C-alpha cells in the first residue's frame, strides 16, 4: 500500500513538474524605439520587462518567458501590422507598453478580436478607458480626460478663472449642474 501511494505521489509530482516546465509566455514590447518617445520608452521598456521577469523568478517557477520587441515608428498601421504578425504568426501572448494613443487604439481592438492581452503604460487616449474599453487590455497611467478634468476643476475650486497655456489663455468656467 505504502509503495503504491509513494509511486502515485512520485508520478503526480513528475506530471506536475513536467506541466510546469512546459508553461511558456511570450511578451512583445511594442513601442517607439527610434523617434520622439524613444527616450522614455524604447530600449528602457524592454530592459524593464526583462527585469520584471527576473524579479518574478519565472524560471524558478517553471515558467519560460520570452521578451521580444519592435518599433511601431509612431504609426498606427505599422504598429497594427506588427501586433497582427505577433499574435497570428509569432505566438505572442501579451503586448506591452504601446506609448502612442493611435497605435494603442488599433492594438486594443485587435487584442480584443484575438482574445489576447495588452498592457498599456503610455498612451493617454481616454477612449481606452471609455468608449473602447476592453476586458482584454489594461491601462494604468493617466488619460487625457482625467488629466484635464483634475487640473481644471482644482483651478476653478480655488477661484481661478484663467489658465495660461503656451498657445494662449483658456477661460475656465465651472460646469453647470445637469
C-alpha atoms as a PDB file:
ATOM      1  CA  UNK A   1       0.000   0.000   0.000  1.00  0.00           C
ATOM      2  CA  UNK A   2       2.726   2.485   1.011  1.00  0.00           C
ATOM      3  CA  UNK A   3       4.713   1.615  -2.098  1.00  0.00           C
ATOM      4  CA  UNK A   4       1.743   2.250  -4.425  1.00  0.00           C
ATOM      5  CA  UNK A   5       0.987   5.562  -2.649  1.00  0.00           C
ATOM      6  CA  UNK A   6       4.634   6.611  -2.962  1.00  0.00           C
ATOM      7  CA  UNK A   7       4.622   5.645  -6.623  1.00  0.00           C
ATOM      8  CA  UNK A   8       1.385   7.605  -7.168  1.00  0.00           C
ATOM      9  CA  UNK A   9       2.822  10.648  -5.375  1.00  0.00           C
ATOM     10  CA  UNK A  10       6.025  10.451  -7.422  1.00  0.00           C
ATOM     11  CA  UNK A  11       4.024  10.145 -10.664  1.00  0.00           C
ATOM     12  CA  UNK A  12       1.892  13.140  -9.682  1.00  0.00           C
ATOM     13  CA  UNK A  13       4.979  15.227  -8.892  1.00  0.00           C
ATOM     14  CA  UNK A  14       6.585  14.187 -12.166  1.00  0.00           C
ATOM     15  CA  UNK A  15       3.469  15.130 -14.160  1.00  0.00           C
ATOM     16  CA  UNK A  16       3.068  18.456 -12.344  1.00  0.00           C
ATOM     17  CA  UNK A  17       6.770  19.252 -12.761  1.00  0.00           C
ATOM     18  CA  UNK A  18       6.602  18.409 -16.450  1.00  0.00           C
ATOM     19  CA  UNK A  19       3.452  20.513 -16.910  1.00  0.00           C
ATOM     20  CA  UNK A  20       5.021  23.474 -15.133  1.00  0.00           C
ATOM     21  CA  UNK A  21       8.191  23.220 -17.219  1.00  0.00           C
ATOM     22  CA  UNK A  22       6.088  23.428 -20.386  1.00  0.00           C
ATOM     23  CA  UNK A  23       4.402  26.709 -19.429  1.00  0.00           C
ATOM     24  CA  UNK A  24       5.673  29.441 -21.724  1.00  0.00           C
ATOM     25  CA  UNK A  25       4.658  33.062 -22.161  1.00  0.00           C
ATOM     26  CA  UNK A  26       5.760  35.318 -24.993  1.00  0.00           C
ATOM     27  CA  UNK A  27       5.596  39.069 -24.361  1.00  0.00           C
ATOM     28  CA  UNK A  28       6.023  41.633 -27.114  1.00  0.00           C
ATOM     29  CA  UNK A  29       7.123  45.125 -26.109  1.00  0.00           C
ATOM     30  CA  UNK A  30       5.754  47.378 -28.844  1.00  0.00           C
ATOM     31  CA  UNK A  31       6.983  50.939 -28.604  1.00  0.00           C
ATOM     32  CA  UNK A  32       8.824  53.840 -30.179  1.00  0.00           C
ATOM     33  CA  UNK A  33      12.445  52.780 -30.437  1.00  0.00           C
ATOM     34  CA  UNK A  34      13.814  55.470 -32.751  1.00  0.00           C
ATOM     35  CA  UNK A  35      11.536  58.524 -32.612  1.00  0.00           C
ATOM     36  CA  UNK A  36      10.269  61.179 -30.245  1.00  0.00           C
ATOM     37  CA  UNK A  37       9.204  58.815 -27.437  1.00  0.00           C
ATOM     38  CA  UNK A  38      12.217  56.510 -27.642  1.00  0.00           C
ATOM     39  CA  UNK A  39      13.956  58.186 -24.706  1.00  0.00           C
ATOM     40  CA  UNK A  40      11.093  57.475 -22.306  1.00  0.00           C
ATOM     41  CA  UNK A  41      10.127  54.071 -23.723  1.00  0.00           C
ATOM     42  CA  UNK A  42      12.356  52.341 -26.272  1.00  0.00           C
ATOM     43  CA  UNK A  43      15.050  50.018 -25.024  1.00  0.00           C
ATOM     44  CA  UNK A  44      14.379  51.037 -21.413  1.00  0.00           C
ATOM     45  CA  UNK A  45      10.939  49.408 -21.538  1.00  0.00           C
ATOM     46  CA  UNK A  46      12.432  46.197 -22.905  1.00  0.00           C
ATOM     47  CA  UNK A  47      15.042  46.123 -20.133  1.00  0.00           C
ATOM     48  CA  UNK A  48      12.303  46.837 -17.558  1.00  0.00           C
ATOM     49  CA  UNK A  49      10.254  43.891 -18.869  1.00  0.00           C
ATOM     50  CA  UNK A  50      13.301  41.613 -18.624  1.00  0.00           C
ATOM     51  CA  UNK A  51      13.967  42.834 -15.071  1.00  0.00           C
ATOM     52  CA  UNK A  52      10.318  42.159 -14.124  1.00  0.00           C
ATOM     53  CA  UNK A  53      10.635  38.579 -15.369  1.00  0.00           C
ATOM     54  CA  UNK A  54      13.801  38.158 -13.283  1.00  0.00           C
ATOM     55  CA  UNK A  55      12.157  39.714 -10.197  1.00  0.00           C
ATOM     56  CA  UNK A  56       9.167  37.402 -10.610  1.00  0.00           C
ATOM     57  CA  UNK A  57      11.612  34.479 -10.757  1.00  0.00           C
ATOM     58  CA  UNK A  58       9.700  32.893 -13.630  1.00  0.00           C
ATOM     59  CA  UNK A  59      12.390  30.299 -14.378  1.00  0.00           C
ATOM     60  CA  UNK A  60      12.378  29.055 -10.773  1.00  0.00           C
ATOM     61  CA  UNK A  61       8.592  28.639 -11.065  1.00  0.00           C
ATOM     62  CA  UNK A  62       8.913  26.605 -14.243  1.00  0.00           C
ATOM     63  CA  UNK A  63       7.646  29.381 -16.491  1.00  0.00           C
ATOM     64  CA  UNK A  64       9.593  30.176 -19.621  1.00  0.00           C
ATOM     65  CA  UNK A  65       9.160  33.851 -20.543  1.00  0.00           C
ATOM     66  CA  UNK A  66      10.415  35.280 -23.822  1.00  0.00           C
ATOM     67  CA  UNK A  67      10.544  39.037 -24.389  1.00  0.00           C
ATOM     68  CA  UNK A  68      10.597  40.366 -27.947  1.00  0.00           C
ATOM     69  CA  UNK A  69      10.373  43.969 -29.117  1.00  0.00           C
ATOM     70  CA  UNK A  70       9.637  46.093 -32.147  1.00  0.00           C
ATOM     71  CA  UNK A  71       9.431  49.737 -33.211  1.00  0.00           C
ATOM     72  CA  UNK A  72       5.956  50.912 -34.243  1.00  0.00           C
ATOM     73  CA  UNK A  73       7.530  54.115 -35.641  1.00  0.00           C
ATOM     74  CA  UNK A  74       4.668  56.158 -34.115  1.00  0.00           C
ATOM     75  CA  UNK A  75       2.394  54.878 -36.907  1.00  0.00           C
ATOM     76  CA  UNK A  76      -0.816  53.018 -36.125  1.00  0.00           C
ATOM     77  CA  UNK A  77      -0.697  50.964 -39.350  1.00  0.00           C
ATOM     78  CA  UNK A  78       2.863  49.833 -38.639  1.00  0.00           C
ATOM     79  CA  UNK A  79       2.027  49.002 -35.010  1.00  0.00           C
ATOM     80  CA  UNK A  80      -1.124  47.143 -36.011  1.00  0.00           C
ATOM     81  CA  UNK A  81       0.808  45.120 -38.601  1.00  0.00           C
ATOM     82  CA  UNK A  82       3.426  44.130 -36.037  1.00  0.00           C
ATOM     83  CA  UNK A  83       0.772  43.221 -33.465  1.00  0.00           C
ATOM     84  CA  UNK A  84      -1.145  41.118 -36.016  1.00  0.00           C
ATOM     85  CA  UNK A  85       2.036  39.232 -37.022  1.00  0.00           C
ATOM     86  CA  UNK A  86       2.957  38.699 -33.373  1.00  0.00           C
ATOM     87  CA  UNK A  87      -0.470  37.289 -32.498  1.00  0.00           C
ATOM     88  CA  UNK A  88      -1.078  35.243 -35.650  1.00  0.00           C
ATOM     89  CA  UNK A  89       2.414  34.050 -36.631  1.00  0.00           C
ATOM     90  CA  UNK A  90       4.880  34.504 -33.773  1.00  0.00           C
ATOM     91  CA  UNK A  91       2.668  33.249 -30.931  1.00  0.00           C
ATOM     92  CA  UNK A  92       2.846  36.362 -28.745  1.00  0.00           C
ATOM     93  CA  UNK A  93       0.518  36.130 -25.729  1.00  0.00           C
ATOM     94  CA  UNK A  94       0.813  39.683 -24.390  1.00  0.00           C
ATOM     95  CA  UNK A  95       1.679  43.030 -25.956  1.00  0.00           C
ATOM     96  CA  UNK A  96       3.065  45.617 -23.551  1.00  0.00           C
ATOM     97  CA  UNK A  97       3.926  49.338 -23.452  1.00  0.00           C
ATOM     98  CA  UNK A  98       2.493  50.897 -26.688  1.00  0.00           C
ATOM     99  CA  UNK A  99       3.057  54.550 -25.691  1.00  0.00           C
ATOM    100  CA  UNK A 100       1.302  56.257 -28.624  1.00  0.00           C
ATOM    101  CA  UNK A 101      -2.514  56.541 -28.382  1.00  0.00           C
ATOM    102  CA  UNK A 102      -3.271  55.976 -32.068  1.00  0.00           C
ATOM    103  CA  UNK A 103      -1.237  52.771 -32.040  1.00  0.00           C
ATOM    104  CA  UNK A 104      -2.746  51.652 -28.724  1.00  0.00           C
ATOM    105  CA  UNK A 105      -6.296  52.135 -30.012  1.00  0.00           C
ATOM    106  CA  UNK A 106      -5.568  49.954 -33.049  1.00  0.00           C
ATOM    107  CA  UNK A 107      -3.772  47.299 -30.973  1.00  0.00           C
ATOM    108  CA  UNK A 108      -6.577  47.313 -28.391  1.00  0.00           C
ATOM    109  CA  UNK A 109      -9.212  46.353 -30.959  1.00  0.00           C
ATOM    110  CA  UNK A 110      -7.019  43.626 -32.465  1.00  0.00           C
ATOM    111  CA  UNK A 111      -6.238  42.309 -28.976  1.00  0.00           C
ATOM    112  CA  UNK A 112      -9.928  42.098 -28.208  1.00  0.00           C
ATOM    113  CA  UNK A 113     -10.652  40.341 -31.527  1.00  0.00           C
ATOM    114  CA  UNK A 114      -7.864  37.794 -30.915  1.00  0.00           C
ATOM    115  CA  UNK A 115      -8.773  37.378 -27.207  1.00  0.00           C
ATOM    116  CA  UNK A 116      -5.199  38.150 -26.160  1.00  0.00           C
ATOM    117  CA  UNK A 117      -3.855  40.640 -23.579  1.00  0.00           C
ATOM    118  CA  UNK A 118      -2.494  44.182 -23.924  1.00  0.00           C
ATOM    119  CA  UNK A 119      -0.785  46.103 -21.111  1.00  0.00           C
ATOM    120  CA  UNK A 120      -0.698  49.819 -21.934  1.00  0.00           C
ATOM    121  CA  UNK A 121       1.632  52.015 -19.926  1.00  0.00           C
ATOM    122  CA  UNK A 122       1.975  55.100 -22.058  1.00  0.00           C
ATOM    123  CA  UNK A 123      -0.999  56.097 -24.204  1.00  0.00           C
ATOM    124  CA  UNK A 124      -3.237  58.869 -22.928  1.00  0.00           C
ATOM    125  CA  UNK A 125      -6.396  58.442 -25.025  1.00  0.00           C
ATOM    126  CA  UNK A 126      -9.456  58.499 -22.794  1.00  0.00           C
ATOM    127  CA  UNK A 127     -11.163  56.213 -25.339  1.00  0.00           C
ATOM    128  CA  UNK A 128      -9.062  53.322 -23.991  1.00  0.00           C
ATOM    129  CA  UNK A 129     -10.848  53.607 -20.639  1.00  0.00           C
ATOM    130  CA  UNK A 130     -14.103  54.897 -22.117  1.00  0.00           C
ATOM    131  CA  UNK A 131     -15.835  54.073 -25.406  1.00  0.00           C
ATOM    132  CA  UNK A 132     -13.214  51.495 -26.489  1.00  0.00           C
ATOM    133  CA  UNK A 133     -12.605  49.993 -23.059  1.00  0.00           C
ATOM    134  CA  UNK A 134     -11.870  46.288 -23.387  1.00  0.00           C
ATOM    135  CA  UNK A 135     -11.708  43.344 -20.981  1.00  0.00           C
ATOM    136  CA  UNK A 136      -8.505  42.349 -22.793  1.00  0.00           C
ATOM    137  CA  UNK A 137      -6.466  45.456 -22.065  1.00  0.00           C
ATOM    138  CA  UNK A 138      -5.221  47.318 -19.021  1.00  0.00           C
ATOM    139  CA  UNK A 139      -4.065  50.928 -18.893  1.00  0.00           C
ATOM    140  CA  UNK A 140      -2.605  52.159 -15.625  1.00  0.00           C
ATOM    141  CA  UNK A 141      -1.315  55.608 -16.482  1.00  0.00           C
ATOM    142  CA  UNK A 142      -3.180  58.882 -16.918  1.00  0.00           C
ATOM    143  CA  UNK A 143      -5.717  59.551 -19.616  1.00  0.00           C
ATOM    144  CA  UNK A 144      -6.443  62.883 -21.250  1.00  0.00           C
ATOM    145  CA  UNK A 145      -9.862  63.338 -19.624  1.00  0.00           C
ATOM    146  CA  UNK A 146      -8.676  62.763 -16.054  1.00  0.00           C
ATOM    147  CA  UNK A 147      -5.621  64.950 -16.540  1.00  0.00           C
ATOM    148  CA  UNK A 148      -7.600  67.913 -17.881  1.00  0.00           C
ATOM    149  CA  UNK A 149     -10.540  67.410 -15.526  1.00  0.00           C
ATOM    150  CA  UNK A 150      -8.494  67.197 -12.332  1.00  0.00           C
ATOM    151  CA  UNK A 151      -6.353  70.218 -13.151  1.00  0.00           C
ATOM    152  CA  UNK A 152      -9.192  72.395 -14.424  1.00  0.00           C
ATOM    153  CA  UNK A 153     -11.522  71.512 -11.542  1.00  0.00           C
ATOM    154  CA  UNK A 154      -8.848  72.294  -8.969  1.00  0.00           C
ATOM    155  CA  UNK A 155      -8.111  75.686 -10.519  1.00  0.00           C
ATOM    156  CA  UNK A 156     -11.821  76.596 -10.587  1.00  0.00           C
ATOM    157  CA  UNK A 157     -12.352  75.379  -6.991  1.00  0.00           C
ATOM    158  CA  UNK A 158      -9.511  77.633  -5.871  1.00  0.00           C
ATOM    159  CA  UNK A 159     -11.128  80.622  -7.529  1.00  0.00           C
ATOM    160  CA  UNK A 160      -9.061  80.627 -10.688  1.00  0.00           C
ATOM    161  CA  UNK A 161     -10.683  81.796 -13.873  1.00  0.00           C
ATOM    162  CA  UNK A 162      -7.907  81.528 -16.439  1.00  0.00           C
ATOM    163  CA  UNK A 163      -5.267  79.026 -17.333  1.00  0.00           C
ATOM    164  CA  UNK A 164      -2.292  80.258 -19.342  1.00  0.00           C
ATOM    165  CA  UNK A 165      -1.127  77.756 -21.917  1.00  0.00           C
ATOM    166  CA  UNK A 166       1.819  78.065 -24.312  1.00  0.00           C
ATOM    167  CA  UNK A 167      -0.564  78.924 -27.161  1.00  0.00           C
ATOM    168  CA  UNK A 168      -2.744  81.439 -25.269  1.00  0.00           C
ATOM    169  CA  UNK A 169      -5.238  81.931 -22.442  1.00  0.00           C
ATOM    170  CA  UNK A 170      -8.023  79.499 -21.718  1.00  0.00           C
ATOM    171  CA  UNK A 171     -11.083  80.735 -19.810  1.00  0.00           C
ATOM    172  CA  UNK A 172     -12.261  78.207 -17.229  1.00  0.00           C
ATOM    173  CA  UNK A 173     -15.881  78.010 -16.194  1.00  0.00           C
ATOM    174  CA  UNK A 174     -17.364  75.717 -13.584  1.00  0.00           C
ATOM    175  CA  UNK A 175     -19.596  73.065 -15.109  1.00  0.00           C
ATOM    176  CA  UNK A 176     -23.304  73.716 -14.822  1.00  0.00           C
ATOM    177  CA  UNK A 177     -25.445  71.284 -12.878  1.00  0.00           C
ATOM    178  CA  UNK A 178     -27.377  68.934 -15.123  1.00  0.00           C
END
